[in-house]
């Protein structure tokens, strides 16, 4: 979550036996069941680009926007870049996109 003082907070944590989509789905369904009203749903879900988690979030919270953690995007760009120059170029482009974000909403 996000507070009025611009601080983030976690809604919950879960220990799972493996990172399969059905486990993520079950965990998210349990989280959803704790919300007392259908009107209380997350507007945004932030993940680490794990497609199984992203699929589960889309199933359980279909109206929530799906965002990917900036740290993980930059980390993956570094790992996927064949050269340092390619990495720097990817980071520059990503930061340009992030700078436009407020205007995209």
PDB file of N, CA and C in Angstrom:
ATOM      1  N   UNK A   1       0.804  -1.175   0.000  1.00  0.00           N
ATOM      2  CA  UNK A   1       0.000   0.000   0.000  1.00  0.00           C
ATOM      3  C   UNK A   1       0.858   1.253   0.000  1.00  0.00           C
ATOM      4  N   UNK A   2       0.192   2.375  -0.020  1.00  0.00           N
ATOM      5  CA  UNK A   2       0.841   3.678  -0.092  1.00  0.00           C
ATOM      6  C   UNK A   2       0.103   4.623   0.842  1.00  0.00           C
ATOM      7  N   UNK A   3       0.810   5.239   1.757  1.00  0.00           N
ATOM      8  CA  UNK A   3       0.177   6.097   2.758  1.00  0.00           C
ATOM      9  C   UNK A   3       0.076   7.541   2.286  1.00  0.00           C
ATOM     10  N   UNK A   4      -0.633   8.353   3.050  1.00  0.00           N
ATOM     11  CA  UNK A   4      -0.763   9.777   2.734  1.00  0.00           C
ATOM     12  C   UNK A   4       0.553  10.526   2.913  1.00  0.00           C
ATOM     13  N   UNK A   5       1.511   9.915   3.597  1.00  0.00           N
ATOM     14  CA  UNK A   5       2.831  10.532   3.770  1.00  0.00           C
ATOM     15  C   UNK A   5       3.843   9.973   2.771  1.00  0.00           C
ATOM     16  N   UNK A   6       3.331   9.359   1.713  1.00  0.00           N
ATOM     17  CA  UNK A   6       4.139   8.821   0.621  1.00  0.00           C
ATOM     18  C   UNK A   6       5.085   7.712   1.053  1.00  0.00           C
ATOM     19  N   UNK A   7       4.666   6.925   2.004  1.00  0.00           N
ATOM     20  CA  UNK A   7       5.426   5.749   2.438  1.00  0.00           C
ATOM     21  C   UNK A   7       4.694   4.502   1.963  1.00  0.00           C
ATOM     22  N   UNK A   8       5.442   3.485   1.613  1.00  0.00           N
ATOM     23  CA  UNK A   8       4.818   2.233   1.193  1.00  0.00           C
ATOM     24  C   UNK A   8       4.721   1.273   2.371  1.00  0.00           C
ATOM     25  N   UNK A   9       3.798   0.334   2.258  1.00  0.00           N
ATOM     26  CA  UNK A   9       3.682  -0.706   3.273  1.00  0.00           C
ATOM     27  C   UNK A   9       3.230  -2.001   2.612  1.00  0.00           C
ATOM     28  N   UNK A  10       3.568  -3.107   3.226  1.00  0.00           N
ATOM     29  CA  UNK A  10       3.160  -4.415   2.723  1.00  0.00           C
ATOM     30  C   UNK A  10       1.814  -4.792   3.315  1.00  0.00           C
ATOM     31  N   UNK A  11       1.006  -5.436   2.512  1.00  0.00           N
ATOM     32  CA  UNK A  11      -0.304  -5.877   2.966  1.00  0.00           C
ATOM     33  C   UNK A  11      -0.201  -7.232   3.643  1.00  0.00           C
ATOM     34  N   UNK A  12       0.667  -8.090   3.145  1.00  0.00           N
ATOM     35  CA  UNK A  12       0.791  -9.414   3.739  1.00  0.00           C
ATOM     36  C   UNK A  12       1.979 -10.167   3.184  1.00  0.00           C
ATOM     37  N   UNK A  13       2.240 -11.283   3.807  1.00  0.00           N
ATOM     38  CA  UNK A  13       3.330 -12.163   3.396  1.00  0.00           C
ATOM     39  C   UNK A  13       2.809 -13.588   3.385  1.00  0.00           C
ATOM     40  N   UNK A  14       3.413 -14.443   2.583  1.00  0.00           N
ATOM     41  CA  UNK A  14       2.985 -15.845   2.541  1.00  0.00           C
ATOM     42  C   UNK A  14       4.190 -16.744   2.318  1.00  0.00           C
ATOM     43  N   UNK A  15       4.198 -17.859   3.013  1.00  0.00           N
ATOM     44  CA  UNK A  15       5.186 -18.905   2.779  1.00  0.00           C
ATOM     45  C   UNK A  15       4.531 -19.924   1.867  1.00  0.00           C
ATOM     46  N   UNK A  16       5.179 -20.227   0.747  1.00  0.00           N
ATOM     47  CA  UNK A  16       4.609 -21.199  -0.183  1.00  0.00           C
ATOM     48  C   UNK A  16       5.620 -22.304  -0.445  1.00  0.00           C
ATOM     49  N   UNK A  17       5.108 -23.482  -0.797  1.00  0.00           N
ATOM     50  CA  UNK A  17       5.993 -24.628  -1.015  1.00  0.00           C
ATOM     51  C   UNK A  17       6.757 -24.514  -2.324  1.00  0.00           C
ATOM     52  N   UNK A  18       6.154 -23.869  -3.318  1.00  0.00           N
ATOM     53  CA  UNK A  18       6.840 -23.632  -4.587  1.00  0.00           C
ATOM     54  C   UNK A  18       6.160 -22.465  -5.295  1.00  0.00           C
ATOM     55  N   UNK A  19       6.826 -21.941  -6.288  1.00  0.00           N
ATOM     56  CA  UNK A  19       6.322 -20.753  -6.976  1.00  0.00           C
ATOM     57  C   UNK A  19       5.518 -21.137  -8.212  1.00  0.00           C
ATOM     58  N   UNK A  20       4.493 -21.938  -8.004  1.00  0.00           N
ATOM     59  CA  UNK A  20       3.593 -22.318  -9.086  1.00  0.00           C
ATOM     60  C   UNK A  20       2.372 -21.413  -9.048  1.00  0.00           C
ATOM     61  N   UNK A  21       1.775 -21.249 -10.214  1.00  0.00           N
ATOM     62  CA  UNK A  21       0.658 -20.315 -10.334  1.00  0.00           C
ATOM     63  C   UNK A  21      -0.498 -20.653  -9.394  1.00  0.00           C
ATOM     64  N   UNK A  22      -0.811 -21.946  -9.228  1.00  0.00           N
ATOM     65  CA  UNK A  22      -1.936 -22.297  -8.357  1.00  0.00           C
ATOM     66  C   UNK A  22      -1.663 -21.918  -6.900  1.00  0.00           C
ATOM     67  N   UNK A  23      -0.414 -21.991  -6.469  1.00  0.00           N
ATOM     68  CA  UNK A  23      -0.077 -21.562  -5.106  1.00  0.00           C
ATOM     69  C   UNK A  23      -0.214 -20.050  -4.954  1.00  0.00           C
ATOM     70  N   UNK A  24       0.273 -19.307  -5.942  1.00  0.00           N
ATOM     71  CA  UNK A  24       0.126 -17.853  -5.901  1.00  0.00           C
ATOM     72  C   UNK A  24      -1.355 -17.471  -5.915  1.00  0.00           C
ATOM     73  N   UNK A  25      -2.132 -18.148  -6.762  1.00  0.00           N
ATOM     74  CA  UNK A  25      -3.560 -17.855  -6.856  1.00  0.00           C
ATOM     75  C   UNK A  25      -4.249 -18.088  -5.515  1.00  0.00           C
ATOM     76  N   UNK A  26      -3.966 -19.216  -4.884  1.00  0.00           N
ATOM     77  CA  UNK A  26      -4.582 -19.527  -3.589  1.00  0.00           C
ATOM     78  C   UNK A  26      -4.212 -18.467  -2.555  1.00  0.00           C
ATOM     79  N   UNK A  27      -2.939 -18.107  -2.489  1.00  0.00           N
ATOM     80  CA  UNK A  27      -2.503 -17.091  -1.523  1.00  0.00           C
ATOM     81  C   UNK A  27      -3.211 -15.757  -1.756  1.00  0.00           C
ATOM     82  N   UNK A  28      -3.298 -15.350  -3.007  1.00  0.00           N
ATOM     83  CA  UNK A  28      -3.956 -14.078  -3.312  1.00  0.00           C
ATOM     84  C   UNK A  28      -5.455 -14.139  -3.024  1.00  0.00           C
ATOM     85  N   UNK A  29      -6.066 -15.299  -3.249  1.00  0.00           N
ATOM     86  CA  UNK A  29      -7.485 -15.455  -2.911  1.00  0.00           C
ATOM     87  C   UNK A  29      -7.700 -15.316  -1.401  1.00  0.00           C
ATOM     88  N   UNK A  30      -6.769 -15.845  -0.615  1.00  0.00           N
ATOM     89  CA  UNK A  30      -6.872 -15.698   0.841  1.00  0.00           C
ATOM     90  C   UNK A  30      -6.751 -14.233   1.235  1.00  0.00           C
ATOM     91  N   UNK A  31      -5.852 -13.526   0.599  1.00  0.00           N
ATOM     92  CA  UNK A  31      -5.696 -12.091   0.861  1.00  0.00           C
ATOM     93  C   UNK A  31      -6.984 -11.356   0.491  1.00  0.00           C
ATOM     94  N   UNK A  32      -7.528 -11.676  -0.681  1.00  0.00           N
ATOM     95  CA  UNK A  32      -8.771 -11.030  -1.123  1.00  0.00           C
ATOM     96  C   UNK A  32      -9.913 -11.299  -0.148  1.00  0.00           C
ATOM     97  N   UNK A  33      -9.958 -12.508   0.412  1.00  0.00           N
ATOM     98  CA  UNK A  33     -11.050 -12.854   1.329  1.00  0.00           C
ATOM     99  C   UNK A  33     -11.006 -12.029   2.621  1.00  0.00           C
ATOM    100  N   UNK A  34      -9.850 -11.481   2.948  1.00  0.00           N
ATOM    101  CA  UNK A  34      -9.736 -10.651   4.147  1.00  0.00           C
ATOM    102  C   UNK A  34     -10.302  -9.246   3.945  1.00  0.00           C
ATOM    103  N   UNK A  35     -10.472  -8.863   2.692  1.00  0.00           N
ATOM    104  CA  UNK A  35     -11.026  -7.544   2.387  1.00  0.00           C
ATOM    105  C   UNK A  35     -12.540  -7.611   2.562  1.00  0.00           C
ATOM    106  N   UNK A  36     -13.080  -6.767   3.387  1.00  0.00           N
ATOM    107  CA  UNK A  36     -14.486  -6.887   3.798  1.00  0.00           C
ATOM    108  C   UNK A  36     -15.484  -6.444   2.744  1.00  0.00           C
ATOM    109  N   UNK A  37     -15.048  -5.703   1.784  1.00  0.00           N
ATOM    110  CA  UNK A  37     -15.974  -5.165   0.799  1.00  0.00           C
ATOM    111  C   UNK A  37     -15.415  -5.379  -0.597  1.00  0.00           C
ATOM    112  N   UNK A  38     -16.317  -5.586  -1.546  1.00  0.00           N
ATOM    113  CA  UNK A  38     -15.890  -5.693  -2.942  1.00  0.00           C
ATOM    114  C   UNK A  38     -15.296  -4.373  -3.428  1.00  0.00           C
ATOM    115  N   UNK A  39     -15.646  -3.279  -2.736  1.00  0.00           N
ATOM    116  CA  UNK A  39     -15.128  -1.964  -3.124  1.00  0.00           C
ATOM    117  C   UNK A  39     -13.675  -1.768  -2.715  1.00  0.00           C
ATOM    118  N   UNK A  40     -13.187  -2.614  -1.822  1.00  0.00           N
ATOM    119  CA  UNK A  40     -11.807  -2.493  -1.359  1.00  0.00           C
ATOM    120  C   UNK A  40     -10.959  -3.494  -2.134  1.00  0.00           C
ATOM    121  N   UNK A  41     -10.347  -3.021  -3.165  1.00  0.00           N
ATOM    122  CA  UNK A  41      -9.475  -3.855  -3.985  1.00  0.00           C
ATOM    123  C   UNK A  41      -8.226  -3.051  -4.311  1.00  0.00           C
ATOM    124  N   UNK A  42      -7.089  -3.731  -4.450  1.00  0.00           N
ATOM    125  CA  UNK A  42      -5.874  -2.984  -4.800  1.00  0.00           C
ATOM    126  C   UNK A  42      -6.008  -2.354  -6.184  1.00  0.00           C
ATOM    127  N   UNK A  43      -5.559  -1.126  -6.293  1.00  0.00           N
ATOM    128  CA  UNK A  43      -5.567  -0.450  -7.588  1.00  0.00           C
ATOM    129  C   UNK A  43      -4.360  -0.855  -8.413  1.00  0.00           C
ATOM    130  N   UNK A  44      -3.272  -1.203  -7.716  1.00  0.00           N
ATOM    131  CA  UNK A  44      -2.017  -1.556  -8.378  1.00  0.00           C
ATOM    132  C   UNK A  44      -1.411  -2.765  -7.681  1.00  0.00           C
ATOM    133  N   UNK A  45      -0.839  -3.658  -8.459  1.00  0.00           N
ATOM    134  CA  UNK A  45      -0.057  -4.768  -7.918  1.00  0.00           C
ATOM    135  C   UNK A  45       1.336  -4.692  -8.519  1.00  0.00           C
ATOM    136  N   UNK A  46       2.326  -4.717  -7.673  1.00  0.00           N
ATOM    137  CA  UNK A  46       3.722  -4.611  -8.073  1.00  0.00           C
ATOM    138  C   UNK A  46       4.380  -5.970  -7.909  1.00  0.00           C
ATOM    139  N   UNK A  47       4.934  -6.496  -8.999  1.00  0.00           N
ATOM    140  CA  UNK A  47       5.579  -7.812  -8.946  1.00  0.00           C
ATOM    141  C   UNK A  47       7.007  -7.719  -9.458  1.00  0.00           C
ATOM    142  N   UNK A  48       7.682  -8.854  -9.411  1.00  0.00           N
ATOM    143  CA  UNK A  48       9.078  -8.905  -9.837  1.00  0.00           C
ATOM    144  C   UNK A  48       9.240  -9.515 -11.229  1.00  0.00           C
ATOM    145  N   UNK A  49       8.215  -9.452 -12.043  1.00  0.00           N
ATOM    146  CA  UNK A  49       8.241  -9.939 -13.417  1.00  0.00           C
ATOM    147  C   UNK A  49       8.141 -11.464 -13.508  1.00  0.00           C
ATOM    148  N   UNK A  50       7.723 -12.094 -12.447  1.00  0.00           N
ATOM    149  CA  UNK A  50       7.489 -13.536 -12.443  1.00  0.00           C
ATOM    150  C   UNK A  50       6.142 -13.772 -13.120  1.00  0.00           C
ATOM    151  N   UNK A  51       6.145 -14.422 -14.274  1.00  0.00           N
ATOM    152  CA  UNK A  51       4.904 -14.559 -15.039  1.00  0.00           C
ATOM    153  C   UNK A  51       3.845 -15.374 -14.307  1.00  0.00           C
ATOM    154  N   UNK A  52       4.255 -16.363 -13.514  1.00  0.00           N
ATOM    155  CA  UNK A  52       3.249 -17.132 -12.777  1.00  0.00           C
ATOM    156  C   UNK A  52       2.551 -16.253 -11.741  1.00  0.00           C
ATOM    157  N   UNK A  53       3.301 -15.398 -11.075  1.00  0.00           N
ATOM    158  CA  UNK A  53       2.704 -14.472 -10.110  1.00  0.00           C
ATOM    159  C   UNK A  53       1.844 -13.437 -10.827  1.00  0.00           C
ATOM    160  N   UNK A  54       2.326 -12.919 -11.931  1.00  0.00           N
ATOM    161  CA  UNK A  54       1.559 -11.930 -12.684  1.00  0.00           C
ATOM    162  C   UNK A  54       0.233 -12.514 -13.176  1.00  0.00           C
ATOM    163  N   UNK A  55       0.248 -13.776 -13.617  1.00  0.00           N
ATOM    164  CA  UNK A  55      -0.984 -14.434 -14.063  1.00  0.00           C
ATOM    165  C   UNK A  55      -1.965 -14.594 -12.910  1.00  0.00           C
ATOM    166  N   UNK A  56      -1.449 -14.990 -11.746  1.00  0.00           N
ATOM    167  CA  UNK A  56      -2.309 -15.165 -10.569  1.00  0.00           C
ATOM    168  C   UNK A  56      -2.926 -13.836 -10.143  1.00  0.00           C
ATOM    169  N   UNK A  57      -2.138 -12.777 -10.158  1.00  0.00           N
ATOM    170  CA  UNK A  57      -2.651 -11.451  -9.800  1.00  0.00           C
ATOM    171  C   UNK A  57      -3.758 -11.044 -10.771  1.00  0.00           C
ATOM    172  N   UNK A  58      -3.541 -11.273 -12.062  1.00  0.00           N
ATOM    173  CA  UNK A  58      -4.549 -10.918 -13.068  1.00  0.00           C
ATOM    174  C   UNK A  58      -5.841 -11.702 -12.863  1.00  0.00           C
ATOM    175  N   UNK A  59      -5.730 -12.935 -12.418  1.00  0.00           N
ATOM    176  CA  UNK A  59      -6.923 -13.754 -12.179  1.00  0.00           C
ATOM    177  C   UNK A  59      -7.684 -13.303 -10.932  1.00  0.00           C
ATOM    178  N   UNK A  60      -6.971 -13.053  -9.849  1.00  0.00           N
ATOM    179  CA  UNK A  60      -7.615 -12.738  -8.570  1.00  0.00           C
ATOM    180  C   UNK A  60      -8.026 -11.268  -8.475  1.00  0.00           C
ATOM    181  N   UNK A  61      -7.224 -10.386  -9.037  1.00  0.00           N
ATOM    182  CA  UNK A  61      -7.512  -8.945  -9.000  1.00  0.00           C
ATOM    183  C   UNK A  61      -7.519  -8.397 -10.432  1.00  0.00           C
ATOM    184  N   UNK A  62      -8.519  -8.776 -11.236  1.00  0.00           N
ATOM    185  CA  UNK A  62      -8.504  -8.415 -12.661  1.00  0.00           C
ATOM    186  C   UNK A  62      -8.590  -6.922 -12.949  1.00  0.00           C
ATOM    187  N   UNK A  63      -9.081  -6.135 -12.013  1.00  0.00           N
ATOM    188  CA  UNK A  63      -9.197  -4.693 -12.266  1.00  0.00           C
ATOM    189  C   UNK A  63      -7.978  -3.907 -11.796  1.00  0.00           C
ATOM    190  N   UNK A  64      -7.025  -4.570 -11.188  1.00  0.00           N
ATOM    191  CA  UNK A  64      -5.813  -3.900 -10.700  1.00  0.00           C
ATOM    192  C   UNK A  64      -4.808  -3.715 -11.832  1.00  0.00           C
ATOM    193  N   UNK A  65      -4.136  -2.582 -11.820  1.00  0.00           N
ATOM    194  CA  UNK A  65      -3.050  -2.360 -12.774  1.00  0.00           C
ATOM    195  C   UNK A  65      -1.851  -3.198 -12.341  1.00  0.00           C
ATOM    196  N   UNK A  66      -1.169  -3.777 -13.303  1.00  0.00           N
ATOM    197  CA  UNK A  66       0.007  -4.610 -13.016  1.00  0.00           C
ATOM    198  C   UNK A  66       1.268  -3.831 -13.362  1.00  0.00           C
ATOM    199  N   UNK A  67       2.113  -3.638 -12.365  1.00  0.00           N
ATOM    200  CA  UNK A  67       3.384  -2.948 -12.572  1.00  0.00           C
ATOM    201  C   UNK A  67       4.527  -3.869 -12.188  1.00  0.00           C
ATOM    202  N   UNK A  68       5.669  -3.620 -12.783  1.00  0.00           N
ATOM    203  CA  UNK A  68       6.858  -4.410 -12.489  1.00  0.00           C
ATOM    204  C   UNK A  68       7.828  -3.538 -11.699  1.00  0.00           C
ATOM    205  N   UNK A  69       8.418  -4.108 -10.676  1.00  0.00           N
ATOM    206  CA  UNK A  69       9.360  -3.410  -9.809  1.00  0.00           C
ATOM    207  C   UNK A  69      10.546  -2.883 -10.617  1.00  0.00           C
ATOM    208  N   UNK A  70      10.832  -1.607 -10.476  1.00  0.00           N
ATOM    209  CA  UNK A  70      11.923  -0.966 -11.223  1.00  0.00           C
ATOM    210  C   UNK A  70      13.268  -1.639 -10.945  1.00  0.00           C
ATOM    211  N   UNK A  71      13.521  -2.002  -9.697  1.00  0.00           N
ATOM    212  CA  UNK A  71      14.775  -2.671  -9.340  1.00  0.00           C
ATOM    213  C   UNK A  71      14.951  -3.947 -10.158  1.00  0.00           C
ATOM    214  N   UNK A  72      13.897  -4.735 -10.265  1.00  0.00           N
ATOM    215  CA  UNK A  72      13.997  -5.994 -10.991  1.00  0.00           C
ATOM    216  C   UNK A  72      14.145  -5.777 -12.499  1.00  0.00           C
ATOM    217  N   UNK A  73      13.512  -4.746 -13.027  1.00  0.00           N
ATOM    218  CA  UNK A  73      13.674  -4.440 -14.449  1.00  0.00           C
ATOM    219  C   UNK A  73      15.128  -4.097 -14.738  1.00  0.00           C
ATOM    220  N   UNK A  74      15.711  -3.213 -13.931  1.00  0.00           N
ATOM    221  CA  UNK A  74      17.108  -2.825 -14.149  1.00  0.00           C
ATOM    222  C   UNK A  74      18.042  -4.015 -13.941  1.00  0.00           C
ATOM    223  N   UNK A  75      17.763  -4.841 -12.951  1.00  0.00           N
ATOM    224  CA  UNK A  75      18.584  -6.024 -12.691  1.00  0.00           C
ATOM    225  C   UNK A  75      18.537  -6.967 -13.890  1.00  0.00           C
ATOM    226  N   UNK A  76      17.344  -7.185 -14.435  1.00  0.00           N
ATOM    227  CA  UNK A  76      17.213  -8.076 -15.585  1.00  0.00           C
ATOM    228  C   UNK A  76      17.849  -7.484 -16.829  1.00  0.00           C
ATOM    229  N   UNK A  77      17.759  -6.161 -16.996  1.00  0.00           N
ATOM    230  CA  UNK A  77      18.433  -5.528 -18.128  1.00  0.00           C
ATOM    231  C   UNK A  77      19.933  -5.774 -18.058  1.00  0.00           C
ATOM    232  N   UNK A  78      20.490  -5.687 -16.853  1.00  0.00           N
ATOM    233  CA  UNK A  78      21.920  -5.934 -16.675  1.00  0.00           C
ATOM    234  C   UNK A  78      22.253  -7.378 -17.043  1.00  0.00           C
ATOM    235  N   UNK A  79      21.455  -8.312 -16.555  1.00  0.00           N
ATOM    236  CA  UNK A  79      21.729  -9.726 -16.820  1.00  0.00           C
ATOM    237  C   UNK A  79      21.541 -10.083 -18.289  1.00  0.00           C
ATOM    238  N   UNK A  80      20.594  -9.405 -18.957  1.00  0.00           N
ATOM    239  CA  UNK A  80      20.279  -9.731 -20.343  1.00  0.00           C
ATOM    240  C   UNK A  80      21.092  -8.938 -21.360  1.00  0.00           C
ATOM    241  N   UNK A  81      21.896  -7.992 -20.910  1.00  0.00           N
ATOM    242  CA  UNK A  81      22.658  -7.149 -21.827  1.00  0.00           C
ATOM    243  C   UNK A  81      23.987  -7.806 -22.183  1.00  0.00           C
ATOM    244  N   UNK A  82      24.253  -7.943 -23.484  1.00  0.00           N
ATOM    245  CA  UNK A  82      25.517  -8.574 -23.886  1.00  0.00           C
ATOM    246  C   UNK A  82      26.750  -7.722 -23.584  1.00  0.00           C
ATOM    247  N   UNK A  83      26.559  -6.391 -23.562  1.00  0.00           N
ATOM    248  CA  UNK A  83      27.688  -5.507 -23.268  1.00  0.00           C
ATOM    249  C   UNK A  83      27.253  -4.447 -22.256  1.00  0.00           C
ATOM    250  N   UNK A  84      28.240  -3.800 -21.653  1.00  0.00           N
ATOM    251  CA  UNK A  84      27.935  -2.723 -20.713  1.00  0.00           C
ATOM    252  C   UNK A  84      27.244  -1.568 -21.429  1.00  0.00           C
ATOM    253  N   UNK A  85      27.655  -1.305 -22.658  1.00  0.00           N
ATOM    254  CA  UNK A  85      27.034  -0.221 -23.428  1.00  0.00           C
ATOM    255  C   UNK A  85      25.548  -0.508 -23.671  1.00  0.00           C
ATOM    256  N   UNK A  86      25.220  -1.757 -24.001  1.00  0.00           N
ATOM    257  CA  UNK A  86      23.818  -2.129 -24.190  1.00  0.00           C
ATOM    258  C   UNK A  86      23.024  -1.945 -22.904  1.00  0.00           C
ATOM    259  N   UNK A  87      23.638  -2.294 -21.782  1.00  0.00           N
ATOM    260  CA  UNK A  87      22.977  -2.123 -20.486  1.00  0.00           C
ATOM    261  C   UNK A  87      22.700  -0.650 -20.216  1.00  0.00           C
ATOM    262  N   UNK A  88      23.712   0.193 -20.415  1.00  0.00           N
ATOM    263  CA  UNK A  88      23.555   1.629 -20.162  1.00  0.00           C
ATOM    264  C   UNK A  88      22.450   2.192 -21.054  1.00  0.00           C
ATOM    265  N   UNK A  89      22.429   1.788 -22.321  1.00  0.00           N
ATOM    266  CA  UNK A  89      21.383   2.254 -23.236  1.00  0.00           C
ATOM    267  C   UNK A  89      19.994   1.831 -22.748  1.00  0.00           C
ATOM    268  N   UNK A  90      19.869   0.587 -22.297  1.00  0.00           N
ATOM    269  CA  UNK A  90      18.580   0.088 -21.807  1.00  0.00           C
ATOM    270  C   UNK A  90      18.128   0.851 -20.568  1.00  0.00           C
ATOM    271  N   UNK A  91      19.050   1.130 -19.667  1.00  0.00           N
ATOM    272  CA  UNK A  91      18.708   1.872 -18.445  1.00  0.00           C
ATOM    273  C   UNK A  91      18.285   3.298 -18.786  1.00  0.00           C
ATOM    274  N   UNK A  92      18.989   3.938 -19.714  1.00  0.00           N
ATOM    275  CA  UNK A  92      18.635   5.303 -20.121  1.00  0.00           C
ATOM    276  C   UNK A  92      17.218   5.323 -20.695  1.00  0.00           C
ATOM    277  N   UNK A  93      16.897   4.373 -21.557  1.00  0.00           N
ATOM    278  CA  UNK A  93      15.562   4.311 -22.150  1.00  0.00           C
ATOM    279  C   UNK A  93      14.498   4.039 -21.091  1.00  0.00           C
ATOM    280  N   UNK A  94      14.814   3.158 -20.160  1.00  0.00           N
ATOM    281  CA  UNK A  94      13.866   2.841 -19.091  1.00  0.00           C
ATOM    282  C   UNK A  94      13.613   4.062 -18.219  1.00  0.00           C
ATOM    283  N   UNK A  95      14.651   4.797 -17.896  1.00  0.00           N
ATOM    284  CA  UNK A  95      14.490   5.999 -17.061  1.00  0.00           C
ATOM    285  C   UNK A  95      13.703   7.085 -17.789  1.00  0.00           C
ATOM    286  N   UNK A  96      13.858   7.170 -19.099  1.00  0.00           N
ATOM    287  CA  UNK A  96      13.043   8.114 -19.874  1.00  0.00           C
ATOM    288  C   UNK A  96      11.567   7.738 -19.765  1.00  0.00           C
ATOM    289  N   UNK A  97      11.287   6.450 -19.858  1.00  0.00           N
ATOM    290  CA  UNK A  97       9.912   5.975 -19.720  1.00  0.00           C
ATOM    291  C   UNK A  97       9.373   6.286 -18.328  1.00  0.00           C
ATOM    292  N   UNK A  98      10.192   6.063 -17.304  1.00  0.00           N
ATOM    293  CA  UNK A  98       9.768   6.349 -15.927  1.00  0.00           C
ATOM    294  C   UNK A  98       9.494   7.833 -15.729  1.00  0.00           C
ATOM    295  N   UNK A  99      10.282   8.683 -16.375  1.00  0.00           N
ATOM    296  CA  UNK A  99      10.085  10.128 -16.246  1.00  0.00           C
ATOM    297  C   UNK A  99       8.744  10.554 -16.845  1.00  0.00           C
ATOM    298  N   UNK A 100       8.267   9.832 -17.842  1.00  0.00           N
ATOM    299  CA  UNK A 100       6.981  10.130 -18.467  1.00  0.00           C
ATOM    300  C   UNK A 100       5.810   9.553 -17.689  1.00  0.00           C
ATOM    301  N   UNK A 101       6.084   8.661 -16.746  1.00  0.00           N
ATOM    302  CA  UNK A 101       5.013   7.922 -16.068  1.00  0.00           C
ATOM    303  C   UNK A 101       3.890   8.807 -15.542  1.00  0.00           C
ATOM    304  N   UNK A 102       4.171   9.899 -14.808  1.00  0.00           N
ATOM    305  CA  UNK A 102       3.055  10.707 -14.287  1.00  0.00           C
ATOM    306  C   UNK A 102       2.135  11.212 -15.391  1.00  0.00           C
ATOM    307  N   UNK A 103       2.682  11.447 -16.561  1.00  0.00           N
ATOM    308  CA  UNK A 103       1.866  11.937 -17.672  1.00  0.00           C
ATOM    309  C   UNK A 103       1.077  10.816 -18.331  1.00  0.00           C
ATOM    310  N   UNK A 104       1.478   9.569 -18.104  1.00  0.00           N
ATOM    311  CA  UNK A 104       0.774   8.444 -18.703  1.00  0.00           C
ATOM    312  C   UNK A 104      -0.474   8.066 -17.917  1.00  0.00           C
ATOM    313  N   UNK A 105      -0.564   8.492 -16.672  1.00  0.00           N
ATOM    314  CA  UNK A 105      -1.711   8.126 -15.816  1.00  0.00           C
ATOM    315  C   UNK A 105      -2.916   8.982 -16.110  1.00  0.00           C
TER     316      UNK A 105
END
